[in-house]
Protein backbone atom coordinates (compact mmCIF):
# COMPACT_ATOMS: atom_id res chain seq x y z
CA UNK A 1 137.45 216.03 39.58
CA UNK A 2 136.03 213.55 37.09
CA UNK A 3 137.93 212.72 33.89
CA UNK A 4 136.03 210.79 31.24
CA UNK A 5 137.99 208.94 28.54
CA UNK A 6 135.77 208.04 25.58
CA UNK A 7 138.30 205.38 24.57
CA UNK A 8 140.09 202.73 26.59
CA UNK A 9 143.89 202.90 26.85
CA UNK A 10 145.68 199.63 27.53
CA UNK A 11 145.62 198.58 31.16
CA UNK A 12 149.37 199.12 31.48
CA UNK A 13 148.78 202.77 30.51
CA UNK A 14 145.68 203.26 32.66
CA UNK A 15 147.21 202.03 35.92
CA UNK A 16 150.11 204.54 36.14
CA UNK A 17 147.76 207.40 35.28
CA UNK A 18 145.31 206.46 38.03
CA UNK A 19 148.17 206.01 40.51
CA UNK A 20 149.69 209.41 39.68
CA UNK A 21 146.40 211.27 40.28
CA UNK A 22 144.69 209.62 43.30
CA UNK A 23 142.31 212.57 43.77
CA UNK A 24 140.88 212.18 40.27
CA UNK A 25 138.04 209.84 39.31
CA UNK A 26 138.91 208.33 35.93
CA UNK A 27 136.24 206.75 33.74
CA UNK A 28 137.42 204.72 30.73
CA UNK A 29 134.47 203.88 28.51
CA UNK A 30 134.49 203.90 24.71
CA UNK A 31 130.69 203.65 24.63
CA UNK A 32 130.33 207.42 25.37
CA UNK A 33 127.42 207.11 27.80
CA UNK A 34 125.33 210.23 28.32
CA UNK A 35 125.04 209.66 32.06
CA UNK A 36 128.84 209.68 32.42
CA UNK A 37 129.22 212.59 30.03
CA UNK A 38 126.88 214.66 32.18
CA UNK A 39 129.10 214.14 35.25
CA UNK A 40 132.48 214.75 33.59
CA UNK A 41 134.65 217.78 34.33
CA UNK A 42 137.31 216.87 31.75
CA UNK A 43 136.73 214.97 28.55
CA UNK A 44 139.46 212.97 26.76
CA UNK A 45 138.37 211.98 23.27
CA UNK A 46 139.44 211.45 19.68
CA UNK A 47 136.85 214.13 18.85
CA UNK A 48 134.77 212.33 16.25
CA UNK A 49 132.22 211.10 18.83
CA UNK A 50 131.06 214.62 19.73
CA UNK A 51 128.22 216.69 18.31
CA UNK A 52 126.15 219.68 19.41
CA UNK A 53 123.82 217.49 21.49
CA UNK A 54 126.73 215.85 23.35
CA UNK A 55 128.13 219.27 24.26
CA UNK A 56 124.78 220.21 25.80
CA UNK A 57 124.79 216.99 27.83
CA UNK A 58 128.38 217.64 28.95
CA UNK A 59 127.20 220.52 31.12
CA UNK A 60 130.12 220.36 33.57
CA UNK A 61 132.96 219.91 31.09
CA UNK A 62 135.51 222.70 31.22
CA UNK A 63 138.35 221.13 29.24
CA UNK A 64 138.39 218.78 26.25
CA UNK A 65 141.67 217.02 25.56
CA UNK A 66 141.65 215.74 21.98
CA UNK A 67 143.88 212.73 21.37
CA UNK A 68 144.13 213.70 17.72
CA UNK A 69 145.57 216.54 15.66
CA UNK A 70 142.51 216.92 13.43
CA UNK A 71 139.47 218.64 14.89
CA UNK A 72 137.40 219.42 11.81
CA UNK A 73 134.67 216.94 12.77
CA UNK A 74 134.14 218.46 16.22
CA UNK A 75 131.19 220.82 16.98
CA UNK A 76 133.48 223.85 17.07
CA UNK A 77 130.87 226.59 17.49
CA UNK A 78 129.00 224.81 20.29
CA UNK A 79 132.27 224.25 22.16
CA UNK A 80 133.44 227.84 21.62
CA UNK A 81 130.12 229.29 22.77
CA UNK A 82 130.47 227.35 26.01
CA UNK A 83 134.00 228.64 26.48
CA UNK A 84 135.33 225.11 26.88
CA UNK A 85 139.12 224.94 26.85
CA UNK A 86 140.49 222.64 24.12
CA UNK A 87 143.97 221.20 23.67
CA UNK A 88 145.27 218.33 21.59
CA UNK A 89 148.26 216.09 20.93
CA UNK A 90 149.84 218.12 18.15
CA UNK A 91 153.36 216.87 17.56
CA UNK A 92 153.02 213.22 18.58
CA UNK A 93 152.45 212.17 14.99
CA UNK A 94 155.76 213.45 13.69
CA UNK A 95 157.77 210.25 14.13
CA UNK A 96 155.38 207.70 12.54
CA UNK A 97 154.17 210.10 9.84
CA UNK A 98 157.71 211.06 8.85
CA UNK A 99 158.61 207.38 8.61
CA UNK A 100 155.52 206.73 6.47
CA UNK A 101 156.31 209.62 4.13
CA UNK A 102 159.96 208.63 3.81
CA UNK A 103 158.95 205.02 3.14
CA UNK A 104 156.67 206.08 0.30
CA UNK A 105 159.29 208.36 -1.26
CA UNK A 106 162.02 205.72 -1.16
CA UNK A 107 159.59 203.09 -2.41
CA UNK A 108 158.88 205.17 -5.51
CA UNK A 109 162.47 206.30 -6.07
CA UNK A 110 163.88 202.79 -5.68
CA UNK A 111 161.04 201.03 -7.54
CA UNK A 112 159.92 198.77 -4.69
CA UNK A 113 156.40 198.21 -6.13
CA UNK A 114 158.04 196.97 -9.36
CA UNK A 115 160.38 194.70 -7.40
CA UNK A 116 157.48 193.21 -5.43
CA UNK A 117 155.44 192.66 -8.60
CA UNK A 118 158.32 190.91 -10.38
CA UNK A 119 158.87 188.73 -7.32
CA UNK A 120 155.23 187.63 -7.42
CA UNK A 121 155.64 186.75 -11.08
CA UNK A 122 158.95 184.96 -10.50
CA UNK A 123 160.50 187.22 -13.12
CA UNK A 124 164.12 188.50 -13.23
CA UNK A 125 163.57 192.00 -14.61
CA UNK A 126 165.88 195.01 -14.43
CA UNK A 127 163.78 197.38 -16.54
CA UNK A 128 162.55 199.55 -13.67
CA UNK A 129 163.39 203.26 -13.63
CA UNK A 130 165.45 203.94 -10.54
CA UNK A 131 166.19 207.42 -9.24
CA UNK A 132 167.72 208.97 -6.13
CA UNK A 133 166.29 211.04 -3.31
CA UNK A 134 169.71 212.61 -2.84
CA UNK A 135 169.90 216.09 -4.36
CA UNK A 136 166.12 216.55 -4.66
CA UNK A 137 164.13 219.60 -3.64
CA UNK A 138 161.09 219.16 -1.42
CA UNK A 139 158.37 221.75 -0.87
CA UNK A 140 156.55 221.23 2.42
CA UNK A 141 153.17 222.91 2.81
CA UNK A 142 152.49 223.52 6.49
CA UNK A 143 155.92 222.97 8.05
CA UNK A 144 154.79 222.75 11.66
CA UNK A 145 155.96 220.11 14.12
CA UNK A 146 155.48 217.26 11.65
CA UNK A 147 156.73 219.24 8.66
CA UNK A 148 159.89 220.25 10.52
CA UNK A 149 160.59 216.61 11.39
CA UNK A 150 160.10 215.67 7.74
CA UNK A 151 162.53 218.42 6.82
CA UNK A 152 165.09 217.16 9.34
CA UNK A 153 165.05 213.64 7.95
CA UNK A 154 165.02 214.76 4.31
CA UNK A 155 168.02 217.02 4.90
CA UNK A 156 169.90 213.93 6.10
CA UNK A 157 169.40 212.65 2.53
CA UNK A 158 170.81 215.92 1.15
CA UNK A 159 167.37 217.14 0.13
CA UNK A 160 166.89 220.91 -0.17
CA UNK A 161 163.76 221.81 1.81
CA UNK A 162 161.41 224.72 1.17
CA UNK A 163 158.61 225.45 3.63
CA UNK A 164 155.39 227.30 2.83
CA UNK A 165 153.25 228.71 5.64
CA UNK A 166 150.94 231.64 6.33
CA UNK A 167 153.58 233.99 7.69
CA UNK A 168 156.72 233.14 5.77
CA UNK A 169 158.57 233.05 9.11
CA UNK A 170 161.64 230.86 9.37
CA UNK A 171 160.96 227.23 10.34
CA UNK A 172 163.51 224.71 11.66
CA UNK A 173 165.01 222.37 9.05
CA UNK A 174 163.80 224.46 6.11
CA UNK A 175 166.46 225.89 3.81
CA UNK A 176 163.91 228.50 2.72
CA UNK A 177 160.49 229.54 3.98
CA UNK A 178 157.86 231.36 1.90
CA UNK A 179 154.29 232.53 2.34
CA UNK A 180 151.57 230.31 0.89
CA UNK A 181 150.33 233.12 -1.43
CA UNK A 182 153.72 232.80 -3.19
CA UNK A 183 153.20 229.09 -3.84
CA UNK A 184 153.12 229.44 -7.62
CA UNK A 185 156.70 230.76 -7.53
CA UNK A 186 157.91 227.87 -5.38
CA UNK A 187 156.25 224.81 -6.90
CA UNK A 188 158.28 224.75 -10.16
CA UNK A 189 161.40 224.04 -8.06
CA UNK A 190 159.95 220.95 -6.39
CA UNK A 191 160.77 217.33 -7.06
CA UNK A 192 158.50 216.41 -4.14
CA UNK A 193 155.53 218.38 -2.76
CA UNK A 194 154.32 217.30 0.69
CA UNK A 195 151.20 218.80 2.25
CA UNK A 196 150.74 218.71 6.01
CA UNK A 197 148.13 221.51 6.00
CA UNK A 198 145.11 221.32 8.34
CA UNK A 199 141.55 221.77 7.13
CA UNK A 200 140.57 225.45 7.38
CA UNK A 201 138.61 227.94 5.30
CA UNK A 202 141.93 229.15 3.90
CA UNK A 203 143.22 225.72 2.90
CA UNK A 204 140.02 224.20 1.48
CA UNK A 205 140.63 223.55 -2.22
CA UNK A 206 143.80 225.65 -1.98
CA UNK A 207 145.43 223.66 -4.76
CA UNK A 208 143.86 223.81 -8.21
CA UNK A 209 144.93 222.45 -11.58
CA UNK A 210 147.04 225.55 -12.21
CA UNK A 211 149.29 224.63 -9.29
CA UNK A 212 149.98 221.20 -10.76
CA UNK A 213 150.56 222.70 -14.19
CA UNK A 214 153.61 224.57 -12.91
CA UNK A 215 155.09 221.49 -11.21
CA UNK A 216 157.68 219.32 -12.92
CA UNK A 217 156.16 216.40 -14.82
CA UNK A 218 158.54 214.23 -12.78
CA UNK A 219 157.25 215.57 -9.44
CA UNK A 220 155.72 213.49 -6.64
CA UNK A 221 152.74 215.04 -4.83
CA UNK A 222 151.96 213.78 -1.32
CA UNK A 223 148.92 214.77 0.75
CA UNK A 224 149.16 213.75 4.40
CA UNK A 225 147.33 216.77 5.85
CA UNK A 226 143.64 216.92 4.99
CA UNK A 227 141.73 215.66 1.98
CA UNK A 228 139.92 218.89 1.12
CA UNK A 229 143.18 220.58 0.10
CA UNK A 230 142.42 219.61 -3.50
CA UNK A 231 139.18 218.49 -5.13
CA UNK A 232 139.11 214.81 -5.99
CA UNK A 233 138.23 215.44 -9.64
CA UNK A 234 141.19 217.81 -9.92
CA UNK A 235 143.76 215.29 -8.68
CA UNK A 236 142.19 212.59 -10.87
CA UNK A 237 142.48 214.81 -13.97
CA UNK A 238 146.03 215.82 -13.05
CA UNK A 239 147.10 212.18 -12.80
CA UNK A 240 145.23 211.08 -15.90
CA UNK A 241 146.82 213.90 -17.90
CA UNK A 242 150.29 213.10 -16.57
CA UNK A 243 150.97 216.59 -15.20
CA UNK A 244 153.02 214.96 -12.43
CA UNK A 245 154.68 211.57 -12.16
CA UNK A 246 152.99 210.21 -9.05
CA UNK A 247 150.75 211.07 -6.12
CA UNK A 248 150.69 209.53 -2.65
CA UNK A 249 147.43 210.17 -0.81
CA UNK A 250 146.70 209.35 2.82
CA UNK A 251 143.68 211.67 3.11
CA UNK A 252 140.62 212.24 0.91
CA UNK A 253 137.61 214.51 0.52
CA UNK A 254 135.36 211.54 1.32
CA UNK A 255 136.56 208.84 3.71
CA UNK A 256 136.57 205.91 3.37
CA UNK A 257 137.44 206.41 -0.29
CA UNK A 258 134.37 205.21 -2.24
CA UNK A 259 134.71 201.91 -4.08
CA UNK A 260 133.77 203.58 -7.35
CA UNK A 261 136.39 206.34 -7.07
CA UNK A 262 138.47 206.56 -10.25
CA UNK A 263 141.55 206.91 -8.05
CA UNK A 264 141.51 203.15 -7.43
CA UNK A 265 142.13 202.49 -11.13
CA UNK A 266 145.06 204.83 -11.66
CA UNK A 267 148.55 203.36 -11.84
CA UNK A 268 150.40 206.57 -10.88
CA UNK A 269 148.89 206.98 -7.42
CA UNK A 270 149.49 205.26 -4.09
CA UNK A 271 146.43 205.17 -1.83
CA UNK A 272 146.87 204.87 1.93
CA UNK A 273 143.75 204.55 4.17
CA UNK A 274 144.47 207.58 6.42
CA UNK A 275 146.63 205.68 8.86
CA UNK A 276 150.11 207.08 8.29
CA UNK A 277 150.20 208.36 11.89
CA UNK A 278 149.19 205.04 13.43
CA UNK A 279 151.67 203.44 15.79
CA UNK A 280 151.70 201.11 18.76
CA UNK A 281 153.04 204.12 20.71
CA UNK A 282 150.18 206.49 19.77
CA UNK A 283 148.18 206.42 23.03
CA UNK A 284 151.36 206.32 25.10
CA UNK A 285 152.58 209.53 23.47
CA UNK A 286 149.14 211.12 23.88
CA UNK A 287 149.23 210.46 27.62
CA UNK A 288 152.73 211.92 27.80
CA UNK A 289 151.14 215.22 26.82
CA UNK A 290 147.97 214.76 28.87
CA UNK A 291 149.60 213.99 32.23
CA UNK A 292 151.58 217.24 32.66
CA UNK A 293 148.61 219.20 31.33
CA UNK A 294 146.31 217.58 33.87
CA UNK A 295 148.77 218.40 36.64
CA UNK A 296 148.73 222.06 35.58
CA UNK A 297 144.94 222.07 35.34
CA UNK A 298 144.57 220.68 38.86
CA UNK A 299 146.90 223.44 40.08
CA UNK A 300 144.65 226.07 38.55
CA UNK A 301 146.75 226.82 35.46
CA UNK A 302 144.82 227.50 32.26
CA UNK A 303 147.65 227.72 29.73
CA UNK A 304 148.32 224.19 28.56
CA UNK A 305 150.43 222.62 25.83
CA UNK A 306 148.78 222.63 22.39
CA UNK A 307 145.94 224.99 23.21
CA UNK A 308 143.53 225.15 20.26
CA UNK A 309 141.16 227.62 18.68
CA UNK A 310 138.50 225.40 17.14
CA UNK A 311 136.97 228.23 15.12
CA UNK A 312 140.32 228.65 13.34
CA UNK A 313 140.70 224.90 12.99
CA UNK A 314 144.05 224.57 14.75
């Protein structure tokens, strides 16, 4: 069995993996060499280095383990037509992403950008508008593993949490759960709207101006799912017209965000370069999912953690 990593984990993470599976040949090579790809049985990748041609070359690959939650850049149809099994690391992002989201919320509520700016100026200024997270209502779009963790932490701040998903089925750490088609009824209640939605045909440009029009003008909108949830020109117009108080964006329709994007010039938006899930523990947590899955695979099991349907997008 040959397992090809198209990235290189730290040596202290490679060595225990190799020792645990002595019958497996591990190749760690971020160059993605075609000759190695052609010999691989299992591919471990972040997903963005694959295309239709690479799938043809990977003639022996039966399982692709994606060390990422997002798969929208992968050649889904080519992989599905080959019947290649795909799983990912869904869930490992919940700790760092929740911390990032909470940091942004508290920063806005407690006026940290203002404090930092006054410090730079050497100015003693108490004119900032301070508010509390306590007692707020948060609407979480896509309350999966990450969304539930966000809900858990927000509830510790006495935030009332409302989840919106496809089914309307109850989700942990949500005080209420509703179906996404009922979003217009839910949004007016929100002080904070947090999207963790993946990129699918159903979610592309799901939010339009009319959704922001029913939000409170004091609301904070946060997109940490995928950038095509709302068109760039829509969010720009919403912010310019003051329909909401602030937006925090970690994802965008075009990445990197173009230098000439009007978003850069707006004062009521915080722009994060799609790295809210980054952490020194990222690869370590990925391997914590991969190792037991590899053990099952070697034993002939074909039902692994975080199995994916690429054609659905999740």
